[in-house]
Amino acid sequence: MDEAASQLYVSHGNAINVLVVTTTFTVLENFPTQKGARTITLNQKNHKIYLPTAEYNSAPEVTAQNLKPRVTVKSGTFSVLEIGL
C-alpha cells in the first residue's frame, strides 16, 4: 500500500496484470505486465513498484507419471519490472 498516494497495488501473475485500487476500493487502473510477475513490492520513497519475473519454457507433456507437469524458467531470463505510477 502506498500510503502517500492512498493506493493499493495487486499483482495477478496468472492474469498477467497489476490492479491499482484506492483505499476506498475504487479501481483506478488495470495494466498488463509480463507472465509470471506476481510477487510485488513498493518503494515508498519513489512510489515505484517492482515485480520479479522471467521467461518460461514450453509446458511439458502430461504423462501417466506426471499428471501436472510444471513449466521451467528459461536460463538467463530473470528480470525485475519497474513501474512508476
N, C-alpha and C. Protein backbone atom coordinates (compact mmCIF):
# COMPACT_ATOMS: atom_id res chain seq x y z
N MET A 1 0.84 -1.18 0.00
CA MET A 1 0.00 0.00 0.00
C MET A 1 0.88 1.24 0.00
N ASP A 2 0.56 2.16 -0.88
CA ASP A 2 1.25 3.44 -0.95
C ASP A 2 0.40 4.42 -0.14
N GLU A 3 0.81 4.63 1.10
CA GLU A 3 0.01 5.48 1.99
C GLU A 3 -0.06 6.92 1.51
N ALA A 4 1.03 7.44 0.96
CA ALA A 4 1.04 8.83 0.49
C ALA A 4 0.06 9.02 -0.66
N ALA A 5 -0.07 8.03 -1.52
CA ALA A 5 -0.98 8.11 -2.67
C ALA A 5 -2.35 7.51 -2.37
N SER A 6 -2.50 6.89 -1.19
CA SER A 6 -3.74 6.21 -0.82
C SER A 6 -4.16 5.19 -1.87
N GLN A 7 -3.18 4.39 -2.31
CA GLN A 7 -3.44 3.38 -3.33
C GLN A 7 -2.89 2.02 -2.91
N LEU A 8 -3.55 0.98 -3.40
CA LEU A 8 -3.12 -0.40 -3.21
C LEU A 8 -2.73 -0.94 -4.58
N TYR A 9 -1.70 -1.80 -4.61
CA TYR A 9 -1.27 -2.41 -5.86
C TYR A 9 -1.36 -3.92 -5.69
N VAL A 10 -2.04 -4.58 -6.61
CA VAL A 10 -2.26 -6.01 -6.53
C VAL A 10 -1.78 -6.64 -7.83
N SER A 11 -0.86 -7.59 -7.72
CA SER A 11 -0.38 -8.28 -8.92
C SER A 11 -1.12 -9.59 -9.09
N HIS A 12 -1.34 -9.96 -10.35
CA HIS A 12 -2.02 -11.20 -10.69
C HIS A 12 -1.16 -11.93 -11.70
N GLY A 13 -0.23 -12.75 -11.23
CA GLY A 13 0.70 -13.44 -12.11
C GLY A 13 0.04 -14.27 -13.17
N ASN A 14 -1.06 -14.92 -12.87
CA ASN A 14 -1.73 -15.75 -13.87
C ASN A 14 -2.52 -14.92 -14.86
N ALA A 15 -3.05 -13.78 -14.41
CA ALA A 15 -3.82 -12.93 -15.31
C ALA A 15 -2.93 -11.92 -16.02
N ILE A 16 -1.66 -11.87 -15.63
CA ILE A 16 -0.66 -11.02 -16.25
C ILE A 16 -1.05 -9.54 -16.18
N ASN A 17 -1.37 -9.05 -15.00
CA ASN A 17 -1.66 -7.64 -14.87
C ASN A 17 -1.46 -7.17 -13.43
N VAL A 18 -1.46 -5.84 -13.26
CA VAL A 18 -1.42 -5.21 -11.95
C VAL A 18 -2.66 -4.33 -11.83
N LEU A 19 -3.30 -4.43 -10.71
CA LEU A 19 -4.51 -3.67 -10.44
C LEU A 19 -4.16 -2.56 -9.46
N VAL A 20 -4.55 -1.32 -9.78
CA VAL A 20 -4.32 -0.17 -8.89
C VAL A 20 -5.68 0.23 -8.33
N VAL A 21 -5.78 0.23 -7.00
CA VAL A 21 -7.05 0.47 -6.32
C VAL A 21 -6.85 1.53 -5.25
N THR A 22 -7.86 2.38 -5.06
CA THR A 22 -7.79 3.35 -3.97
C THR A 22 -8.12 2.64 -2.65
N THR A 23 -7.83 3.29 -1.55
CA THR A 23 -8.13 2.69 -0.25
C THR A 23 -9.63 2.60 0.00
N THR A 24 -10.45 3.19 -0.87
CA THR A 24 -11.90 3.03 -0.79
C THR A 24 -12.36 1.96 -1.79
N PHE A 25 -11.41 1.21 -2.34
CA PHE A 25 -11.65 0.08 -3.25
C PHE A 25 -12.26 0.48 -4.59
N THR A 26 -11.87 1.61 -5.09
CA THR A 26 -12.23 2.03 -6.44
C THR A 26 -11.07 1.68 -7.36
N VAL A 27 -11.34 0.97 -8.45
CA VAL A 27 -10.28 0.59 -9.38
C VAL A 27 -9.87 1.82 -10.19
N LEU A 28 -8.59 2.17 -10.13
CA LEU A 28 -8.07 3.29 -10.89
C LEU A 28 -7.47 2.86 -12.21
N GLU A 29 -6.82 1.71 -12.18
CA GLU A 29 -6.10 1.26 -13.36
C GLU A 29 -5.88 -0.25 -13.29
N ASN A 30 -5.82 -0.86 -14.43
CA ASN A 30 -5.52 -2.28 -14.54
C ASN A 30 -4.64 -2.41 -15.77
N PHE A 31 -3.35 -2.69 -15.59
CA PHE A 31 -2.44 -2.69 -16.72
C PHE A 31 -1.66 -3.99 -16.83
N PRO A 32 -1.27 -4.34 -18.06
CA PRO A 32 -0.57 -5.61 -18.28
C PRO A 32 0.88 -5.58 -17.81
N THR A 33 1.36 -6.76 -17.43
CA THR A 33 2.77 -6.95 -17.10
C THR A 33 3.23 -8.19 -17.85
N GLN A 34 4.34 -8.74 -17.45
CA GLN A 34 4.86 -9.96 -18.06
C GLN A 34 4.33 -11.18 -17.32
N LYS A 35 4.12 -12.28 -18.04
CA LYS A 35 3.66 -13.52 -17.42
C LYS A 35 4.60 -13.90 -16.27
N GLY A 36 4.01 -14.30 -15.16
CA GLY A 36 4.79 -14.73 -14.00
C GLY A 36 5.12 -13.62 -13.02
N ALA A 37 4.82 -12.38 -13.37
CA ALA A 37 5.12 -11.25 -12.48
C ALA A 37 4.02 -11.16 -11.43
N ARG A 38 4.15 -11.95 -10.37
CA ARG A 38 3.09 -11.97 -9.37
C ARG A 38 3.55 -11.50 -8.00
N THR A 39 4.86 -11.55 -7.75
CA THR A 39 5.37 -11.01 -6.50
C THR A 39 5.58 -9.50 -6.70
N ILE A 40 5.19 -8.71 -5.71
CA ILE A 40 5.23 -7.26 -5.89
C ILE A 40 5.76 -6.58 -4.64
N THR A 41 6.51 -5.51 -4.85
CA THR A 41 6.95 -4.69 -3.72
C THR A 41 6.89 -3.22 -4.14
N LEU A 42 6.80 -2.35 -3.17
CA LEU A 42 6.65 -0.92 -3.41
C LEU A 42 7.77 -0.17 -2.71
N ASN A 43 8.38 0.78 -3.41
CA ASN A 43 9.33 1.70 -2.80
C ASN A 43 8.53 2.93 -2.37
N GLN A 44 8.37 3.11 -1.07
CA GLN A 44 7.55 4.21 -0.54
C GLN A 44 8.15 5.58 -0.85
N LYS A 45 9.47 5.64 -1.09
CA LYS A 45 10.11 6.93 -1.35
C LYS A 45 9.89 7.43 -2.77
N ASN A 46 10.01 6.52 -3.77
CA ASN A 46 9.86 6.98 -5.15
C ASN A 46 8.53 6.54 -5.77
N HIS A 47 7.70 5.81 -5.01
CA HIS A 47 6.36 5.37 -5.43
C HIS A 47 6.40 4.50 -6.69
N LYS A 48 7.47 3.71 -6.82
CA LYS A 48 7.56 2.76 -7.93
C LYS A 48 7.31 1.36 -7.37
N ILE A 49 6.72 0.51 -8.22
CA ILE A 49 6.54 -0.88 -7.82
C ILE A 49 7.49 -1.75 -8.65
N TYR A 50 7.87 -2.88 -8.06
CA TYR A 50 8.83 -3.78 -8.69
C TYR A 50 8.26 -5.20 -8.67
N LEU A 51 8.40 -5.88 -9.81
CA LEU A 51 7.89 -7.25 -9.95
C LEU A 51 8.96 -8.11 -10.59
N PRO A 52 9.52 -9.09 -9.87
CA PRO A 52 10.47 -10.00 -10.49
C PRO A 52 9.76 -11.02 -11.36
N THR A 53 10.39 -11.41 -12.45
CA THR A 53 9.81 -12.40 -13.35
C THR A 53 10.90 -13.01 -14.23
N ALA A 54 10.52 -13.86 -15.14
CA ALA A 54 11.42 -14.48 -16.10
C ALA A 54 10.59 -15.01 -17.26
N GLU A 55 11.28 -15.46 -18.30
CA GLU A 55 10.60 -16.12 -19.41
C GLU A 55 10.52 -17.61 -19.10
N TYR A 56 9.54 -18.27 -19.68
CA TYR A 56 9.30 -19.68 -19.38
C TYR A 56 9.45 -20.54 -20.63
N ASN A 57 9.89 -21.78 -20.42
CA ASN A 57 9.94 -22.78 -21.50
C ASN A 57 8.52 -23.27 -21.77
N SER A 58 8.34 -23.99 -22.86
CA SER A 58 7.04 -24.58 -23.17
C SER A 58 6.68 -25.61 -22.10
N ALA A 59 5.41 -25.77 -21.87
CA ALA A 59 4.94 -26.73 -20.86
C ALA A 59 5.23 -28.15 -21.33
N PRO A 60 5.76 -28.99 -20.43
CA PRO A 60 5.99 -30.39 -20.79
C PRO A 60 4.66 -31.12 -21.00
N GLU A 61 4.73 -32.22 -21.72
CA GLU A 61 3.52 -33.00 -21.96
C GLU A 61 3.09 -33.73 -20.69
N VAL A 62 1.80 -33.89 -20.55
CA VAL A 62 1.26 -34.66 -19.43
C VAL A 62 1.53 -36.14 -19.71
N THR A 63 1.99 -36.83 -18.69
CA THR A 63 2.22 -38.27 -18.80
C THR A 63 1.54 -38.97 -17.65
N ALA A 64 1.47 -40.28 -17.71
CA ALA A 64 0.87 -41.04 -16.62
C ALA A 64 1.67 -40.87 -15.33
N GLN A 65 2.97 -40.67 -15.46
CA GLN A 65 3.83 -40.48 -14.28
C GLN A 65 3.81 -39.04 -13.77
N ASN A 66 3.47 -38.10 -14.65
CA ASN A 66 3.47 -36.69 -14.27
C ASN A 66 2.20 -36.03 -14.81
N LEU A 67 1.14 -36.06 -14.03
CA LEU A 67 -0.15 -35.54 -14.47
C LEU A 67 -0.21 -34.01 -14.46
N LYS A 68 0.65 -33.37 -13.68
CA LYS A 68 0.67 -31.91 -13.60
C LYS A 68 2.10 -31.39 -13.76
N PRO A 69 2.62 -31.48 -14.98
CA PRO A 69 4.00 -31.03 -15.20
C PRO A 69 4.12 -29.51 -15.04
N ARG A 70 5.22 -29.09 -14.48
CA ARG A 70 5.46 -27.66 -14.27
C ARG A 70 6.36 -27.10 -15.36
N VAL A 71 6.06 -25.89 -15.77
CA VAL A 71 6.94 -25.24 -16.73
C VAL A 71 8.21 -24.81 -16.00
N THR A 72 9.29 -24.70 -16.73
CA THR A 72 10.56 -24.28 -16.14
C THR A 72 10.96 -22.92 -16.69
N VAL A 73 11.80 -22.25 -15.95
CA VAL A 73 12.27 -20.91 -16.34
C VAL A 73 13.40 -21.05 -17.35
N LYS A 74 13.38 -20.20 -18.38
CA LYS A 74 14.47 -20.16 -19.35
C LYS A 74 15.70 -19.57 -18.66
N SER A 75 16.81 -20.24 -18.81
CA SER A 75 18.06 -19.79 -18.21
C SER A 75 18.43 -18.38 -18.68
N GLY A 76 18.87 -17.55 -17.74
CA GLY A 76 19.35 -16.22 -18.08
C GLY A 76 18.29 -15.18 -18.38
N THR A 77 17.01 -15.45 -18.06
CA THR A 77 15.94 -14.51 -18.42
C THR A 77 15.35 -13.76 -17.22
N PHE A 78 15.92 -13.95 -16.04
CA PHE A 78 15.39 -13.25 -14.85
C PHE A 78 15.44 -11.75 -15.08
N SER A 79 14.38 -11.05 -14.69
CA SER A 79 14.35 -9.59 -14.78
C SER A 79 13.42 -9.05 -13.69
N VAL A 80 13.58 -7.76 -13.43
CA VAL A 80 12.71 -7.07 -12.48
C VAL A 80 12.02 -5.95 -13.24
N LEU A 81 10.70 -6.00 -13.27
CA LEU A 81 9.93 -4.93 -13.92
C LEU A 81 9.82 -3.76 -12.95
N GLU A 82 10.09 -2.57 -13.43
CA GLU A 82 9.97 -1.36 -12.60
C GLU A 82 8.86 -0.52 -13.20
N ILE A 83 7.86 -0.21 -12.38
CA ILE A 83 6.71 0.54 -12.86
C ILE A 83 6.53 1.79 -12.01
N GLY A 84 6.59 2.93 -12.64
CA GLY A 84 6.37 4.20 -11.97
C GLY A 84 4.92 4.63 -12.12
N LEU A 85 4.29 4.94 -11.01
CA LEU A 85 2.88 5.33 -11.06
C LEU A 85 2.70 6.76 -10.62
